C-alpha cells in the first residue's frame, strides 16, 4: 500500500530544493529572476521647426513622430481640440490642460502653412 503523506512530503522537499538552487544561480542584480539590461534606443527622428515647434516637440513627439502628425488630414480647430483633449483624458498625455489651446493653435497653423 502506498502511503500518500510521505510521498507528498518528499515532493514538497524536492520543489523547495529546486527553487533554492534556482535562486542561488540567479545573478545578484535581479528582481524576481529578471536581469537588468541596458538598451540603446534609436533617435526620435525629425523634430518640428518653425512656428509652434517648441509646443509640438514638447507635447506631441513623446508619442507621435513629426511625420505622423504632418500626414494627418486637414482638420478644423474644433476637431484638433477634441483629439488633443482625448489624448490627455483617455490616453494620459502628460501636458497640462492649460496647454491644450496652444497645441491646437500650433497644429492648425502648421496645416494652414502646408497648404
C-alpha atoms as a PDB file:
ATOM      1  CA  UNK A   1       0.000   0.000   0.000  1.00  0.00           C
ATOM      2  CA  UNK A   2       1.349   3.467  -0.962  1.00  0.00           C
ATOM      3  CA  UNK A   3       1.253   5.970   1.845  1.00  0.00           C
ATOM      4  CA  UNK A   4       0.427   9.445   0.374  1.00  0.00           C
ATOM      5  CA  UNK A   5       1.811  11.604   3.200  1.00  0.00           C
ATOM      6  CA  UNK A   6       5.483  10.614   2.850  1.00  0.00           C
ATOM      7  CA  UNK A   7       5.146  10.830  -0.943  1.00  0.00           C
ATOM      8  CA  UNK A   8       3.741  14.375  -0.779  1.00  0.00           C
ATOM      9  CA  UNK A   9       6.330  15.402   1.795  1.00  0.00           C
ATOM     10  CA  UNK A  10       9.120  14.149  -0.457  1.00  0.00           C
ATOM     11  CA  UNK A  11       7.720  16.040  -3.448  1.00  0.00           C
ATOM     12  CA  UNK A  12       7.456  19.267  -1.413  1.00  0.00           C
ATOM     13  CA  UNK A  13      11.057  18.965  -0.212  1.00  0.00           C
ATOM     14  CA  UNK A  14      12.174  18.397  -3.817  1.00  0.00           C
ATOM     15  CA  UNK A  15      10.367  21.539  -5.021  1.00  0.00           C
ATOM     16  CA  UNK A  16      11.865  23.637  -2.240  1.00  0.00           C
ATOM     17  CA  UNK A  17      15.349  22.354  -3.075  1.00  0.00           C
ATOM     18  CA  UNK A  18      14.880  23.165  -6.788  1.00  0.00           C
ATOM     19  CA  UNK A  19      13.631  26.677  -6.004  1.00  0.00           C
ATOM     20  CA  UNK A  20      16.578  27.325  -3.694  1.00  0.00           C
ATOM     21  CA  UNK A  21      19.050  26.124  -6.330  1.00  0.00           C
ATOM     22  CA  UNK A  22      17.476  28.329  -8.996  1.00  0.00           C
ATOM     23  CA  UNK A  23      17.576  31.349  -6.703  1.00  0.00           C
ATOM     24  CA  UNK A  24      21.226  30.732  -5.841  1.00  0.00           C
ATOM     25  CA  UNK A  25      22.110  30.502  -9.554  1.00  0.00           C
ATOM     26  CA  UNK A  26      20.413  33.817 -10.401  1.00  0.00           C
ATOM     27  CA  UNK A  27      22.610  36.937 -10.682  1.00  0.00           C
ATOM     28  CA  UNK A  28      22.608  39.192  -7.639  1.00  0.00           C
ATOM     29  CA  UNK A  29      21.202  42.176  -9.588  1.00  0.00           C
ATOM     30  CA  UNK A  30      17.907  40.513 -10.427  1.00  0.00           C
ATOM     31  CA  UNK A  31      14.450  41.007  -9.017  1.00  0.00           C
ATOM     32  CA  UNK A  32      12.101  38.060  -9.304  1.00  0.00           C
ATOM     33  CA  UNK A  33      14.524  36.362 -11.679  1.00  0.00           C
ATOM     34  CA  UNK A  34      14.690  39.200 -14.248  1.00  0.00           C
ATOM     35  CA  UNK A  35      18.135  40.562 -15.053  1.00  0.00           C
ATOM     36  CA  UNK A  36      18.813  44.255 -15.581  1.00  0.00           C
ATOM     37  CA  UNK A  37      19.686  45.095 -19.183  1.00  0.00           C
ATOM     38  CA  UNK A  38      20.793  48.281 -20.940  1.00  0.00           C
ATOM     39  CA  UNK A  39      19.137  49.120 -24.246  1.00  0.00           C
ATOM     40  CA  UNK A  40      20.166  51.801 -26.741  1.00  0.00           C
ATOM     41  CA  UNK A  41      17.041  53.385 -28.176  1.00  0.00           C
ATOM     42  CA  UNK A  42      17.000  54.838 -31.685  1.00  0.00           C
ATOM     43  CA  UNK A  43      16.916  58.600 -32.062  1.00  0.00           C
ATOM     44  CA  UNK A  44      13.406  60.051 -32.159  1.00  0.00           C
ATOM     45  CA  UNK A  45      13.870  61.215 -35.749  1.00  0.00           C
ATOM     46  CA  UNK A  46      12.879  64.551 -37.191  1.00  0.00           C
ATOM     47  CA  UNK A  47      11.531  67.186 -34.888  1.00  0.00           C
ATOM     48  CA  UNK A  48       9.336  70.173 -35.706  1.00  0.00           C
ATOM     49  CA  UNK A  49      10.828  73.532 -36.587  1.00  0.00           C
ATOM     50  CA  UNK A  50       9.229  76.915 -37.148  1.00  0.00           C
ATOM     51  CA  UNK A  51       6.106  78.364 -35.600  1.00  0.00           C
ATOM     52  CA  UNK A  52       4.696  76.250 -32.767  1.00  0.00           C
ATOM     53  CA  UNK A  53       7.645  73.836 -32.898  1.00  0.00           C
ATOM     54  CA  UNK A  54       8.514  74.164 -29.220  1.00  0.00           C
ATOM     55  CA  UNK A  55       4.951  73.284 -28.190  1.00  0.00           C
ATOM     56  CA  UNK A  56       4.612  70.361 -30.616  1.00  0.00           C
ATOM     57  CA  UNK A  57       8.064  68.943 -29.813  1.00  0.00           C
ATOM     58  CA  UNK A  58       7.388  69.134 -26.077  1.00  0.00           C
ATOM     59  CA  UNK A  59       3.796  67.894 -26.034  1.00  0.00           C
ATOM     60  CA  UNK A  60       3.290  65.689 -29.098  1.00  0.00           C
ATOM     61  CA  UNK A  61       6.525  63.992 -30.149  1.00  0.00           C
ATOM     62  CA  UNK A  62       6.806  61.975 -26.942  1.00  0.00           C
ATOM     63  CA  UNK A  63       4.219  59.661 -28.527  1.00  0.00           C
ATOM     64  CA  UNK A  64       3.956  60.682 -32.204  1.00  0.00           C
ATOM     65  CA  UNK A  65       6.609  61.351 -34.829  1.00  0.00           C
ATOM     66  CA  UNK A  66       6.610  64.717 -36.546  1.00  0.00           C
ATOM     67  CA  UNK A  67       6.000  62.903 -39.823  1.00  0.00           C
ATOM     68  CA  UNK A  68       2.942  61.122 -38.443  1.00  0.00           C
ATOM     69  CA  UNK A  69       1.458  64.417 -37.268  1.00  0.00           C
ATOM     70  CA  UNK A  70       2.226  66.139 -40.577  1.00  0.00           C
ATOM     71  CA  UNK A  71       0.469  63.353 -42.511  1.00  0.00           C
ATOM     72  CA  UNK A  72      -2.861  63.952 -40.762  1.00  0.00           C
ATOM     73  CA  UNK A  73      -5.663  65.280 -42.966  1.00  0.00           C
ATOM     74  CA  UNK A  74      -6.514  68.973 -42.648  1.00  0.00           C
ATOM     75  CA  UNK A  75      -8.748  69.291 -39.604  1.00  0.00           C
ATOM     76  CA  UNK A  76     -10.644  72.272 -38.189  1.00  0.00           C
ATOM     77  CA  UNK A  77      -9.632  73.630 -34.787  1.00  0.00           C
ATOM     78  CA  UNK A  78     -12.658  72.035 -33.082  1.00  0.00           C
ATOM     79  CA  UNK A  79     -11.616  68.571 -34.275  1.00  0.00           C
ATOM     80  CA  UNK A  80      -7.992  69.116 -33.208  1.00  0.00           C
ATOM     81  CA  UNK A  81      -9.258  70.308 -29.804  1.00  0.00           C
ATOM     82  CA  UNK A  82     -11.274  67.090 -29.426  1.00  0.00           C
ATOM     83  CA  UNK A  83      -8.243  64.976 -30.440  1.00  0.00           C
ATOM     84  CA  UNK A  84      -5.809  66.770 -28.135  1.00  0.00           C
ATOM     85  CA  UNK A  85      -8.303  66.638 -25.250  1.00  0.00           C
ATOM     86  CA  UNK A  86      -8.785  62.896 -25.882  1.00  0.00           C
ATOM     87  CA  UNK A  87      -5.004  62.361 -25.766  1.00  0.00           C
ATOM     88  CA  UNK A  88      -4.967  63.934 -22.297  1.00  0.00           C
ATOM     89  CA  UNK A  89      -8.198  62.491 -20.881  1.00  0.00           C
ATOM     90  CA  UNK A  90      -8.184  58.984 -22.363  1.00  0.00           C
ATOM     91  CA  UNK A  91      -4.532  58.214 -23.077  1.00  0.00           C
ATOM     92  CA  UNK A  92      -2.950  60.193 -20.222  1.00  0.00           C
ATOM     93  CA  UNK A  93      -0.814  62.624 -22.218  1.00  0.00           C
ATOM     94  CA  UNK A  94       1.259  64.494 -19.609  1.00  0.00           C
ATOM     95  CA  UNK A  95       0.698  68.058 -20.813  1.00  0.00           C
ATOM     96  CA  UNK A  96      -1.334  70.497 -18.741  1.00  0.00           C
ATOM     97  CA  UNK A  97      -4.962  71.214 -19.538  1.00  0.00           C
ATOM     98  CA  UNK A  98      -3.931  74.851 -19.950  1.00  0.00           C
ATOM     99  CA  UNK A  99      -1.567  73.831 -22.806  1.00  0.00           C
ATOM    100  CA  UNK A 100      -4.355  72.433 -24.997  1.00  0.00           C
ATOM    101  CA  UNK A 101      -5.243  75.742 -26.744  1.00  0.00           C
ATOM    102  CA  UNK A 102      -1.567  76.339 -27.664  1.00  0.00           C
ATOM    103  CA  UNK A 103      -1.234  72.774 -29.015  1.00  0.00           C
ATOM    104  CA  UNK A 104      -4.401  73.179 -31.107  1.00  0.00           C
ATOM    105  CA  UNK A 105      -3.238  76.559 -32.429  1.00  0.00           C
ATOM    106  CA  UNK A 106       0.138  75.072 -33.399  1.00  0.00           C
ATOM    107  CA  UNK A 107      -1.459  72.120 -35.201  1.00  0.00           C
ATOM    108  CA  UNK A 108      -3.921  74.303 -37.121  1.00  0.00           C
ATOM    109  CA  UNK A 109      -1.208  76.830 -38.048  1.00  0.00           C
ATOM    110  CA  UNK A 110       1.072  74.036 -39.238  1.00  0.00           C
ATOM    111  CA  UNK A 111      -1.605  72.600 -41.515  1.00  0.00           C
ATOM    112  CA  UNK A 112      -2.533  76.029 -42.878  1.00  0.00           C
ATOM    113  CA  UNK A 113       1.140  76.771 -43.652  1.00  0.00           C
ATOM    114  CA  UNK A 114       1.448  73.456 -45.526  1.00  0.00           C
ATOM    115  CA  UNK A 115      -1.351  74.351 -47.983  1.00  0.00           C
END
